[in-house]
Amino acid sequence: MTPTFLAIACLIAVTLGYSALCAVSPFGDCRKCSGWGFEMKTDRKGRLKRGKDCRHCKATGKRIRVGRWLYNRWARIYRAGTG
């Protein structure tokens, strides 16, 4: 087997795995707040307390995955063009 064949096979496996992940679980944890929905702050004594709501995920703690976002965009354009 040649190295290019292995690289292509690995790329196809990663792509199929990511597309399956986007189909099964279209939402992932927000990268900014780590899925909490808010920022963690410390008070003067060093204890953790709840901070402001996360603006990136609008306090849900979830975000749409890039692959699912691309699929939704493609499906919307396809439906608008064939409607």
Protein backbone atom coordinates (compact mmCIF):
# COMPACT_ATOMS: atom_id res chain seq x y z
CA MET A 1 0.00 0.00 0.00
CA THR A 2 1.21 3.43 -0.85
CA PRO A 3 1.30 6.31 1.65
CA THR A 4 -1.13 8.38 -0.43
CA PHE A 5 -3.70 5.57 -0.36
CA LEU A 6 -3.40 5.36 3.43
CA ALA A 7 -3.72 9.14 3.75
CA ILE A 8 -6.85 9.18 1.57
CA ALA A 9 -8.37 6.24 3.47
CA CYS A 10 -7.68 7.97 6.79
CA LEU A 11 -9.22 11.21 5.52
CA ILE A 12 -12.35 9.39 4.35
CA ALA A 13 -12.66 7.61 7.71
CA VAL A 14 -12.37 10.89 9.63
CA THR A 15 -14.90 12.60 7.35
CA LEU A 16 -17.43 9.79 7.68
CA GLY A 17 -16.95 9.68 11.44
CA TYR A 18 -17.49 13.43 11.80
CA SER A 19 -20.56 13.38 9.57
CA ALA A 20 -22.01 10.55 11.66
CA LEU A 21 -21.31 12.54 14.83
CA CYS A 22 -23.06 15.60 13.35
CA ALA A 23 -26.07 13.47 12.39
CA VAL A 24 -26.37 11.80 15.81
CA SER A 25 -25.45 14.80 17.98
CA PRO A 26 -25.83 18.10 16.08
CA PHE A 27 -25.04 20.22 19.15
CA GLY A 28 -21.83 20.26 21.14
CA ASP A 29 -20.72 22.07 24.27
CA CYS A 30 -20.01 25.77 23.92
CA ARG A 31 -16.28 26.42 23.69
CA LYS A 32 -16.44 29.69 25.58
CA CYS A 33 -18.26 28.51 28.72
CA SER A 34 -17.47 24.76 28.47
CA GLY A 35 -21.16 23.87 28.43
CA TRP A 36 -22.05 25.68 31.66
CA GLY A 37 -24.01 28.51 30.03
CA PHE A 38 -22.30 31.12 32.17
CA GLU A 39 -18.87 32.33 33.14
CA MET A 40 -17.38 31.27 36.46
CA LYS A 41 -15.95 34.05 38.61
CA THR A 42 -14.32 34.16 42.02
CA ASP A 43 -15.29 36.45 44.86
CA ARG A 44 -12.79 38.27 47.08
CA LYS A 45 -12.21 35.18 49.20
CA GLY A 46 -11.42 33.03 46.14
CA ARG A 47 -14.67 31.05 46.14
CA LEU A 48 -16.26 30.27 42.81
CA LYS A 49 -19.54 31.94 41.96
CA ARG A 50 -21.77 32.25 38.93
CA GLY A 51 -20.86 35.03 36.54
CA LYS A 52 -22.61 36.55 33.55
CA ASP A 53 -24.55 34.51 31.01
CA CYS A 54 -22.51 33.37 28.02
CA ARG A 55 -23.10 35.56 24.97
CA HIS A 56 -21.86 32.96 22.49
CA CYS A 57 -24.42 30.28 23.32
CA LYS A 58 -27.06 32.62 24.82
CA ALA A 59 -26.83 30.79 28.18
CA THR A 60 -27.80 27.39 26.74
CA GLY A 61 -24.35 25.83 27.03
CA LYS A 62 -24.71 24.31 23.55
CA ARG A 63 -23.56 25.32 20.07
CA ILE A 64 -24.27 23.89 16.65
CA ARG A 65 -21.41 21.89 15.15
CA VAL A 66 -19.75 23.24 11.99
CA GLY A 67 -20.67 20.17 9.92
CA ARG A 68 -24.32 20.39 10.95
CA TRP A 69 -24.36 24.14 10.23
CA LEU A 70 -23.01 23.48 6.73
CA TYR A 71 -25.59 20.72 6.14
CA ASN A 72 -28.43 22.97 7.31
CA ARG A 73 -27.24 25.76 5.02
CA TRP A 74 -27.01 23.37 2.05
CA ALA A 75 -30.48 21.92 2.74
CA ARG A 76 -32.03 25.38 3.01
CA ILE A 77 -30.52 26.46 -0.33
CA TYR A 78 -31.56 23.18 -1.96
CA ARG A 79 -35.16 23.51 -0.77
CA ALA A 80 -35.32 27.13 -1.91
CA GLY A 81 -33.98 26.24 -5.35
CA THR A 82 -36.20 23.23 -6.04
CA GLY A 83 -39.37 24.52 -4.34
